């Protein structure tokens, strides 16, 4: 039978963070609850999507 002791890396924050697939890096902000991280991820995705749409609208039509 195994012992229940666990060891955690001291440099890894405990909590939830967001991974940026385009930049291939984790954002530095850490969230205590998964729901907070998911809500912030949704907000960032919406912001990026709106930027893409506005860039597309400002392009001249062919």
N, C-alpha and C. Protein backbone atom coordinates (compact mmCIF):
# COMPACT_ATOMS: atom_id res chain seq x y z
N UNK A 1 0.84 -1.18 0.00
CA UNK A 1 0.00 0.00 0.00
C UNK A 1 0.89 1.24 0.00
N UNK A 2 0.46 2.28 -0.71
CA UNK A 2 1.25 3.50 -0.82
C UNK A 2 0.88 4.50 0.27
N UNK A 3 1.85 5.29 0.62
CA UNK A 3 1.63 6.37 1.58
C UNK A 3 0.83 7.48 0.90
N UNK A 4 0.00 8.17 1.65
CA UNK A 4 -0.83 9.24 1.09
C UNK A 4 -0.12 10.58 1.00
N UNK A 5 1.17 10.65 1.34
CA UNK A 5 1.89 11.92 1.30
C UNK A 5 2.11 12.36 -0.14
N UNK A 6 1.93 13.65 -0.38
CA UNK A 6 2.16 14.21 -1.70
C UNK A 6 3.11 15.39 -1.58
N UNK A 7 3.89 15.57 -2.60
CA UNK A 7 4.82 16.68 -2.64
C UNK A 7 4.48 17.55 -3.84
N UNK A 8 4.42 18.85 -3.63
CA UNK A 8 4.06 19.77 -4.69
C UNK A 8 5.25 20.67 -5.01
N UNK A 9 5.34 21.03 -6.26
CA UNK A 9 6.38 21.95 -6.71
C UNK A 9 6.10 23.32 -6.08
N UNK A 10 7.08 23.91 -5.45
CA UNK A 10 6.86 25.19 -4.78
C UNK A 10 6.75 26.35 -5.76
N UNK A 11 7.24 26.18 -6.99
CA UNK A 11 7.16 27.28 -7.96
C UNK A 11 5.84 27.30 -8.70
N UNK A 12 5.08 26.22 -8.68
CA UNK A 12 3.80 26.18 -9.39
C UNK A 12 2.70 26.73 -8.50
N UNK A 13 1.99 27.76 -8.97
CA UNK A 13 0.89 28.29 -8.15
C UNK A 13 -0.27 27.31 -8.10
N UNK A 14 -0.94 27.29 -6.97
CA UNK A 14 -2.13 26.45 -6.84
C UNK A 14 -3.32 27.30 -7.25
N UNK A 15 -4.10 26.81 -8.16
CA UNK A 15 -5.24 27.55 -8.68
C UNK A 15 -5.39 27.27 -10.16
N UNK A 16 -6.05 28.17 -10.85
CA UNK A 16 -6.34 28.00 -12.27
C UNK A 16 -5.77 29.18 -13.04
N UNK A 17 -5.21 28.89 -14.22
CA UNK A 17 -4.72 29.96 -15.07
C UNK A 17 -5.21 29.72 -16.49
N UNK A 18 -4.87 30.64 -17.39
CA UNK A 18 -5.35 30.58 -18.77
C UNK A 18 -4.16 30.38 -19.69
N UNK A 19 -4.30 29.48 -20.66
CA UNK A 19 -3.26 29.22 -21.65
C UNK A 19 -3.64 29.88 -22.96
N UNK A 20 -2.74 30.69 -23.49
CA UNK A 20 -2.96 31.38 -24.77
C UNK A 20 -2.41 30.49 -25.88
N UNK A 21 -3.31 29.91 -26.68
CA UNK A 21 -2.90 29.00 -27.75
C UNK A 21 -2.16 29.71 -28.88
N UNK A 22 -2.48 30.98 -29.13
CA UNK A 22 -1.79 31.71 -30.19
C UNK A 22 -0.36 32.04 -29.79
N UNK A 23 -0.18 32.54 -28.59
CA UNK A 23 1.15 32.93 -28.11
C UNK A 23 1.92 31.75 -27.52
N UNK A 24 1.23 30.64 -27.28
CA UNK A 24 1.83 29.43 -26.70
C UNK A 24 2.46 29.72 -25.33
N UNK A 25 1.68 30.37 -24.46
CA UNK A 25 2.16 30.63 -23.11
C UNK A 25 0.99 30.75 -22.15
N UNK A 26 1.29 30.56 -20.88
CA UNK A 26 0.28 30.72 -19.83
C UNK A 26 0.26 32.18 -19.39
N UNK A 27 -0.93 32.71 -19.22
CA UNK A 27 -1.04 34.07 -18.70
C UNK A 27 -0.69 34.04 -17.22
N UNK A 28 -0.12 35.12 -16.73
CA UNK A 28 0.42 35.14 -15.36
C UNK A 28 -0.65 35.15 -14.27
N UNK A 29 -1.83 35.65 -14.58
CA UNK A 29 -2.88 35.74 -13.56
C UNK A 29 -3.37 34.35 -13.17
N UNK A 30 -3.49 34.11 -11.87
CA UNK A 30 -4.00 32.84 -11.34
C UNK A 30 -5.33 33.11 -10.65
N UNK A 31 -6.29 32.23 -10.89
CA UNK A 31 -7.64 32.37 -10.32
C UNK A 31 -7.85 31.26 -9.29
N UNK A 32 -8.49 31.60 -8.19
CA UNK A 32 -8.73 30.63 -7.13
C UNK A 32 -9.80 29.62 -7.51
N UNK A 33 -10.78 30.05 -8.28
CA UNK A 33 -11.89 29.16 -8.66
C UNK A 33 -11.88 28.94 -10.17
N UNK A 34 -12.22 27.74 -10.56
CA UNK A 34 -12.28 27.40 -11.98
C UNK A 34 -13.28 28.30 -12.73
N UNK A 35 -14.39 28.61 -12.08
CA UNK A 35 -15.42 29.44 -12.70
C UNK A 35 -14.87 30.82 -13.05
N UNK A 36 -14.03 31.37 -12.16
CA UNK A 36 -13.41 32.68 -12.43
C UNK A 36 -12.52 32.60 -13.67
N UNK A 37 -11.71 31.57 -13.75
CA UNK A 37 -10.81 31.40 -14.90
C UNK A 37 -11.60 31.20 -16.18
N UNK A 38 -12.66 30.41 -16.13
CA UNK A 38 -13.49 30.18 -17.32
C UNK A 38 -14.17 31.47 -17.77
N UNK A 39 -14.67 32.26 -16.83
CA UNK A 39 -15.33 33.52 -17.17
C UNK A 39 -14.33 34.49 -17.81
N UNK A 40 -13.14 34.56 -17.28
CA UNK A 40 -12.11 35.43 -17.85
C UNK A 40 -11.68 34.94 -19.23
N UNK A 41 -11.58 33.64 -19.40
CA UNK A 41 -11.26 33.08 -20.71
C UNK A 41 -12.33 33.42 -21.74
N UNK A 42 -13.59 33.33 -21.34
CA UNK A 42 -14.70 33.71 -22.23
C UNK A 42 -14.62 35.19 -22.59
N UNK A 43 -14.32 36.02 -21.60
CA UNK A 43 -14.21 37.46 -21.84
C UNK A 43 -13.08 37.76 -22.82
N UNK A 44 -11.93 37.14 -22.62
CA UNK A 44 -10.79 37.35 -23.51
C UNK A 44 -11.08 36.87 -24.93
N UNK A 45 -11.75 35.72 -25.04
CA UNK A 45 -12.11 35.20 -26.37
C UNK A 45 -13.07 36.15 -27.08
N UNK A 46 -14.05 36.67 -26.36
CA UNK A 46 -15.01 37.60 -26.96
C UNK A 46 -14.31 38.88 -27.40
N UNK A 47 -13.41 39.38 -26.56
CA UNK A 47 -12.65 40.59 -26.90
C UNK A 47 -11.82 40.37 -28.17
N UNK A 48 -11.15 39.24 -28.26
CA UNK A 48 -10.33 38.94 -29.44
C UNK A 48 -11.21 38.78 -30.67
N UNK A 49 -12.35 38.12 -30.52
CA UNK A 49 -13.28 37.92 -31.63
C UNK A 49 -13.80 39.26 -32.15
N UNK A 50 -14.16 40.16 -31.23
CA UNK A 50 -14.65 41.48 -31.63
C UNK A 50 -13.56 42.27 -32.36
N UNK A 51 -12.30 42.13 -31.93
CA UNK A 51 -11.20 42.80 -32.62
C UNK A 51 -11.04 42.27 -34.04
N UNK A 52 -11.17 40.96 -34.21
CA UNK A 52 -11.07 40.36 -35.54
C UNK A 52 -12.20 40.88 -36.43
N UNK A 53 -13.41 40.94 -35.90
CA UNK A 53 -14.55 41.43 -36.68
C UNK A 53 -14.37 42.90 -37.07
N UNK A 54 -13.90 43.72 -36.15
CA UNK A 54 -13.72 45.14 -36.47
C UNK A 54 -12.60 45.33 -37.49
N UNK A 55 -11.54 44.51 -37.41
CA UNK A 55 -10.48 44.57 -38.41
C UNK A 55 -11.02 44.17 -39.78
N UNK A 56 -11.86 43.16 -39.80
CA UNK A 56 -12.44 42.68 -41.06
C UNK A 56 -13.36 43.74 -41.66
N UNK A 57 -14.14 44.42 -40.82
CA UNK A 57 -15.05 45.45 -41.31
C UNK A 57 -14.31 46.66 -41.87
N UNK A 58 -13.13 46.94 -41.35
CA UNK A 58 -12.37 48.10 -41.81
C UNK A 58 -11.59 47.81 -43.10
N UNK A 59 -11.56 46.55 -43.55
CA UNK A 59 -10.89 46.21 -44.81
C UNK A 59 -11.74 46.67 -45.99
N UNK A 60 -11.08 47.16 -47.03
CA UNK A 60 -11.85 47.55 -48.22
C UNK A 60 -12.44 46.33 -48.92
N UNK A 61 -13.64 46.48 -49.44
CA UNK A 61 -14.31 45.38 -50.16
C UNK A 61 -13.64 45.20 -51.52
N UNK A 62 -13.57 43.97 -51.95
CA UNK A 62 -12.96 43.70 -53.27
C UNK A 62 -13.99 43.69 -54.35
